[in-house]
Amino acid sequence: MSETQSEYMLLFRAGADERNMSPEEMQTYMTKWGDWVERLTAAGKYVAGHPLSPGGKAVSGRDDIHVVDGPYAETRESIAGYFLLSLSCIDEAAEIAKKCPSLEYGGSVEVREIAQHCPNSEQCEAASTTEPAAV
């Protein structure tokens, strides 16, 4: 990654229309995704990406930690996959996100810059020198 490049994550949320596609519509949709990834890869912008399996586990709590099947957000709000891109600015990431095939079917894309360091990294480093972290 060059000095002027940063990493950006596109988080994909599926639209309701995607779940109701015919096999032919699904084939066309997947071809659009494949073509989009190929263009980003050829341009040297695509770093990684994967769809996420439905379901999973949700862990929450403060004093009493709970693990439940989930996530239970509305399906429309649930993250369906991600791309990691190497780009010059967040505006470029947003322009790329506007070409996401999922948008045609009611999906949405969240664009986030990957932080260069944790805002609490100094506190984390100080804590890690005093006692080992539990895994």
Protein backbone atom coordinates (compact mmCIF):
# COMPACT_ATOMS: atom_id res chain seq x y z
CA MET A 1 0.00 0.00 0.00
CA SER A 2 1.50 3.37 -0.98
CA GLU A 3 1.76 6.33 1.40
CA THR A 4 -1.32 7.98 -0.15
CA GLN A 5 -3.47 4.87 0.12
CA SER A 6 -5.67 3.90 3.07
CA GLU A 7 -7.84 0.88 3.64
CA TYR A 8 -11.62 1.16 3.57
CA MET A 9 -14.25 -1.40 4.44
CA LEU A 10 -17.53 -1.66 2.62
CA LEU A 11 -20.13 -3.42 4.77
CA PHE A 12 -23.02 -4.83 2.75
CA ARG A 13 -26.57 -5.14 4.02
CA ALA A 14 -28.86 -7.23 1.83
CA GLY A 15 -32.08 -5.83 0.48
CA ALA A 16 -35.44 -7.58 0.81
CA ASP A 17 -35.63 -8.13 -2.96
CA GLU A 18 -32.48 -10.27 -2.93
CA ARG A 19 -34.19 -12.96 -0.87
CA ASN A 20 -37.03 -13.32 -3.38
CA MET A 21 -35.06 -13.77 -6.62
CA SER A 22 -35.75 -16.45 -9.17
CA PRO A 23 -32.79 -18.68 -10.13
CA GLU A 24 -32.33 -16.65 -13.33
CA GLU A 25 -32.37 -13.35 -11.43
CA MET A 26 -29.89 -14.76 -8.91
CA GLN A 27 -27.54 -15.80 -11.75
CA THR A 28 -27.67 -12.29 -13.26
CA TYR A 29 -27.12 -10.77 -9.81
CA MET A 30 -24.10 -12.97 -9.06
CA THR A 31 -22.62 -12.18 -12.48
CA LYS A 32 -22.87 -8.46 -11.66
CA TRP A 33 -21.04 -9.07 -8.36
CA GLY A 34 -18.34 -11.10 -10.10
CA ASP A 35 -17.83 -8.43 -12.76
CA TRP A 36 -17.63 -5.71 -10.09
CA VAL A 37 -14.98 -7.64 -8.12
CA GLU A 38 -12.98 -8.30 -11.30
CA ARG A 39 -12.94 -4.57 -12.17
CA LEU A 40 -11.84 -3.59 -8.65
CA THR A 41 -9.17 -6.31 -8.64
CA ALA A 42 -7.84 -5.30 -12.07
CA ALA A 43 -7.61 -1.69 -10.84
CA GLY A 44 -5.58 -2.79 -7.80
CA LYS A 45 -8.22 -1.57 -5.33
CA TYR A 46 -9.66 -4.86 -4.03
CA VAL A 47 -7.80 -6.34 -1.04
CA ALA A 48 -10.27 -8.93 0.30
CA GLY A 49 -13.93 -9.66 0.77
CA HIS A 50 -16.39 -12.39 1.61
CA PRO A 51 -20.08 -12.95 2.18
CA LEU A 52 -21.07 -13.79 5.74
CA SER A 53 -23.15 -16.86 6.60
CA PRO A 54 -26.59 -16.15 7.98
CA GLY A 55 -27.01 -16.54 11.71
CA GLY A 56 -24.16 -16.86 14.14
CA LYS A 57 -23.89 -15.87 17.79
CA ALA A 58 -24.42 -12.57 19.57
CA VAL A 59 -22.39 -11.91 22.72
CA SER A 60 -23.47 -9.12 25.04
CA GLY A 61 -23.41 -8.01 28.64
CA ARG A 62 -21.33 -6.24 31.18
CA ASP A 63 -21.38 -8.08 34.49
CA ASP A 64 -23.31 -11.09 33.17
CA ILE A 65 -22.12 -12.12 29.69
CA HIS A 66 -24.77 -13.71 27.46
CA VAL A 67 -24.29 -15.73 24.27
CA VAL A 68 -27.37 -16.29 22.12
CA ASP A 69 -28.10 -17.42 18.61
CA GLY A 70 -28.27 -14.39 16.38
CA PRO A 71 -27.76 -11.70 15.38
CA TYR A 72 -31.40 -10.78 15.77
CA ALA A 73 -31.35 -7.44 14.01
CA GLU A 74 -33.88 -7.17 11.24
CA THR A 75 -32.54 -9.12 8.27
CA ARG A 76 -32.30 -5.84 6.37
CA GLU A 77 -29.96 -4.45 9.06
CA SER A 78 -27.80 -7.56 9.28
CA ILE A 79 -24.38 -7.39 7.62
CA ALA A 80 -24.30 -9.82 4.68
CA GLY A 81 -20.63 -9.40 3.69
CA TYR A 82 -17.72 -7.04 3.28
CA PHE A 83 -14.96 -5.78 0.99
CA LEU A 84 -11.62 -4.41 2.11
CA LEU A 85 -10.29 -1.89 -0.42
CA SER A 86 -7.05 0.07 -0.79
CA LEU A 87 -7.95 3.58 -1.96
CA SER A 88 -6.88 7.20 -1.86
CA CYS A 89 -9.86 8.65 0.07
CA ILE A 90 -13.29 7.93 1.53
CA ASP A 91 -14.94 9.76 -1.38
CA GLU A 92 -13.42 7.19 -3.76
CA ALA A 93 -14.78 4.43 -1.51
CA ALA A 94 -18.25 6.00 -1.61
CA GLU A 95 -18.12 6.23 -5.41
CA ILE A 96 -17.22 2.53 -5.58
CA ALA A 97 -20.02 1.69 -3.12
CA LYS A 98 -22.52 3.46 -5.39
CA LYS A 99 -21.84 0.74 -7.99
CA CYS A 100 -22.70 -2.13 -5.63
CA PRO A 101 -25.13 -4.54 -7.34
CA SER A 102 -27.07 -4.93 -4.08
CA LEU A 103 -28.32 -1.34 -4.29
CA GLU A 104 -30.54 -2.29 -7.25
CA TYR A 105 -32.37 -4.71 -4.95
CA GLY A 106 -32.86 -2.51 -1.90
CA GLY A 107 -29.52 -3.26 -0.22
CA SER A 108 -27.24 -0.72 1.41
CA VAL A 109 -23.51 -0.22 1.83
CA GLU A 110 -21.74 1.32 4.80
CA VAL A 111 -18.33 2.84 4.01
CA ARG A 112 -15.75 3.02 6.80
CA GLU A 113 -12.06 3.87 6.90
CA ILE A 114 -9.87 1.38 8.73
CA ALA A 115 -8.22 3.24 11.64
CA GLN A 116 -4.44 3.29 11.54
CA HIS A 117 -4.36 2.62 15.28
CA CYS A 118 -6.79 2.04 18.12
CA PRO A 119 -7.76 5.32 19.82
CA ASN A 120 -7.19 3.55 23.15
CA SER A 121 -3.94 1.92 22.03
CA GLU A 122 -1.80 3.69 24.65
CA GLN A 123 -4.09 2.44 27.42
CA CYS A 124 -4.15 -1.06 25.87
CA GLU A 125 -0.36 -1.15 25.61
CA ALA A 126 0.05 -0.04 29.23
CA ALA A 127 -2.42 -2.70 30.41
CA SER A 128 -0.75 -5.42 28.36
CA THR A 129 2.63 -4.79 30.01
CA THR A 130 1.17 -5.28 33.48
CA GLU A 131 -0.87 -8.46 33.05
CA PRO A 132 -1.37 -10.93 30.22
CA ALA A 133 -4.59 -10.69 28.24
CA ALA A 134 -7.13 -13.48 28.57
CA VAL A 135 -7.94 -15.25 25.35
